Amino acid sequence: MAAAAALRELADDELIDQLGEAKHELFNLRFQFATGQLENPARISQVKRDIARINTVLREREIAAAESAPAEDNS
């Protein structure tokens, strides 16, 4: 996976797709680990970091959208 700067260039839909793929990969890696078939245990940590990066970029966009939206007047 790429760094956060590269993730920020992707559209929301692409990020959500990559998030799903990363979660699926993490599931498979955990399954391989449990059955003793995992060749590179460090890959689990890499995928977890990738998931966190994607979630961070999505959250940054969510916060930016909320800040740029006009404030509602309740008077």
C-alpha atoms as a PDB file:
ATOM      1  CA  MET A   1       0.000   0.000   0.000  1.00  0.00           C
ATOM      2  CA  ALA A   2       1.018   3.597  -0.327  1.00  0.00           C
ATOM      3  CA  ALA A   3       1.701   6.413   2.057  1.00  0.00           C
ATOM      4  CA  ALA A   4      -1.011   8.711   3.356  1.00  0.00           C
ATOM      5  CA  ALA A   5      -0.133  11.352   0.749  1.00  0.00           C
ATOM      6  CA  ALA A   6      -0.988   8.924  -2.048  1.00  0.00           C
ATOM      7  CA  LEU A   7      -4.195   7.899  -0.294  1.00  0.00           C
ATOM      8  CA  ARG A   8      -5.319  11.523  -0.091  1.00  0.00           C
ATOM      9  CA  GLU A   9      -5.295  11.688  -3.903  1.00  0.00           C
ATOM     10  CA  LEU A  10      -7.888   8.910  -4.188  1.00  0.00           C
ATOM     11  CA  ALA A  11     -11.640   9.411  -4.297  1.00  0.00           C
ATOM     12  CA  ASP A  12     -13.816   8.361  -1.365  1.00  0.00           C
ATOM     13  CA  ASP A  13     -15.189   5.361  -3.261  1.00  0.00           C
ATOM     14  CA  GLU A  14     -11.686   4.130  -4.050  1.00  0.00           C
ATOM     15  CA  LEU A  15     -10.659   4.523  -0.417  1.00  0.00           C
ATOM     16  CA  ILE A  16     -13.678   2.568   0.762  1.00  0.00           C
ATOM     17  CA  ASP A  17     -12.868  -0.184  -1.760  1.00  0.00           C
ATOM     18  CA  GLN A  18      -9.263  -0.326  -0.568  1.00  0.00           C
ATOM     19  CA  LEU A  19     -10.454  -0.413   3.044  1.00  0.00           C
ATOM     20  CA  GLY A  20     -12.625  -3.427   2.279  1.00  0.00           C
ATOM     21  CA  GLU A  21      -9.778  -5.176   0.500  1.00  0.00           C
ATOM     22  CA  ALA A  22      -7.387  -4.483   3.379  1.00  0.00           C
ATOM     23  CA  LYS A  23      -9.861  -5.803   5.950  1.00  0.00           C
ATOM     24  CA  HIS A  24     -10.370  -8.926   3.850  1.00  0.00           C
ATOM     25  CA  GLU A  25      -6.611  -9.401   3.580  1.00  0.00           C
ATOM     26  CA  LEU A  26      -6.241  -8.977   7.350  1.00  0.00           C
ATOM     27  CA  PHE A  27      -8.907 -11.629   7.899  1.00  0.00           C
ATOM     28  CA  ASN A  28      -7.052 -14.023   5.603  1.00  0.00           C
ATOM     29  CA  LEU A  29      -3.724 -13.285   7.284  1.00  0.00           C
ATOM     30  CA  ARG A  30      -5.186 -13.963  10.726  1.00  0.00           C
ATOM     31  CA  PHE A  31      -6.651 -17.208   9.463  1.00  0.00           C
ATOM     32  CA  GLN A  32      -3.274 -18.250   8.017  1.00  0.00           C
ATOM     33  CA  PHE A  33      -1.586 -17.311  11.283  1.00  0.00           C
ATOM     34  CA  ALA A  34      -4.014 -19.422  13.289  1.00  0.00           C
ATOM     35  CA  THR A  35      -3.437 -22.432  11.065  1.00  0.00           C
ATOM     36  CA  GLY A  36       0.333 -21.997  11.030  1.00  0.00           C
ATOM     37  CA  GLN A  37       0.552 -21.240   7.303  1.00  0.00           C
ATOM     38  CA  LEU A  38       1.594 -17.579   7.499  1.00  0.00           C
ATOM     39  CA  GLU A  39       5.052 -17.026   6.023  1.00  0.00           C
ATOM     40  CA  ASN A  40       5.450 -13.342   6.931  1.00  0.00           C
ATOM     41  CA  PRO A  41       3.848 -12.424  10.284  1.00  0.00           C
ATOM     42  CA  ALA A  42       4.993  -8.799   9.891  1.00  0.00           C
ATOM     43  CA  ARG A  43       2.445  -8.427   7.088  1.00  0.00           C
ATOM     44  CA  ILE A  44      -0.337  -8.381   9.709  1.00  0.00           C
ATOM     45  CA  SER A  45       1.093  -5.193  11.225  1.00  0.00           C
ATOM     46  CA  GLN A  46       1.540  -3.628   7.791  1.00  0.00           C
ATOM     47  CA  VAL A  47      -2.072  -4.266   6.854  1.00  0.00           C
ATOM     48  CA  LYS A  48      -3.298  -2.917  10.206  1.00  0.00           C
ATOM     49  CA  ARG A  49      -1.323   0.291   9.570  1.00  0.00           C
ATOM     50  CA  ASP A  50      -2.775   0.553   6.079  1.00  0.00           C
ATOM     51  CA  ILE A  51      -6.295   0.212   7.488  1.00  0.00           C
ATOM     52  CA  ALA A  52      -5.543   2.933  10.039  1.00  0.00           C
ATOM     53  CA  ARG A  53      -4.172   5.239   7.311  1.00  0.00           C
ATOM     54  CA  ILE A  54      -7.279   4.799   5.184  1.00  0.00           C
ATOM     55  CA  ASN A  55      -9.567   5.411   8.161  1.00  0.00           C
ATOM     56  CA  THR A  56      -7.579   8.525   9.051  1.00  0.00           C
ATOM     57  CA  VAL A  57      -7.898   9.997   5.556  1.00  0.00           C
ATOM     58  CA  LEU A  58     -11.633   9.255   5.491  1.00  0.00           C
ATOM     59  CA  ARG A  59     -12.079  10.880   8.907  1.00  0.00           C
ATOM     60  CA  GLU A  60     -10.077  13.953   7.847  1.00  0.00           C
ATOM     61  CA  ARG A  61     -12.416  14.382   4.887  1.00  0.00           C
ATOM     62  CA  GLU A  62     -15.461  13.923   7.100  1.00  0.00           C
ATOM     63  CA  ILE A  63     -14.230  16.625   9.493  1.00  0.00           C
ATOM     64  CA  ALA A  64     -13.348  18.985   6.623  1.00  0.00           C
ATOM     65  CA  ALA A  65     -16.813  18.537   5.127  1.00  0.00           C
ATOM     66  CA  ALA A  66     -18.464  19.247   8.483  1.00  0.00           C
ATOM     67  CA  GLU A  67     -16.372  22.391   8.983  1.00  0.00           C
ATOM     68  CA  SER A  68     -17.072  23.719   5.507  1.00  0.00           C
ATOM     69  CA  ALA A  69     -20.822  23.176   5.824  1.00  0.00           C
ATOM     70  CA  PRO A  70     -22.694  26.311   6.882  1.00  0.00           C
ATOM     71  CA  ALA A  71     -23.626  26.411  10.539  1.00  0.00           C
ATOM     72  CA  GLU A  72     -27.342  26.049  11.221  1.00  0.00           C
ATOM     73  CA  ASP A  73     -29.113  28.897  12.953  1.00  0.00           C
ATOM     74  CA  ASN A  74     -31.490  27.672  15.637  1.00  0.00           C
ATOM     75  CA  SER A  75     -33.034  31.082  16.423  1.00  0.00           C
END
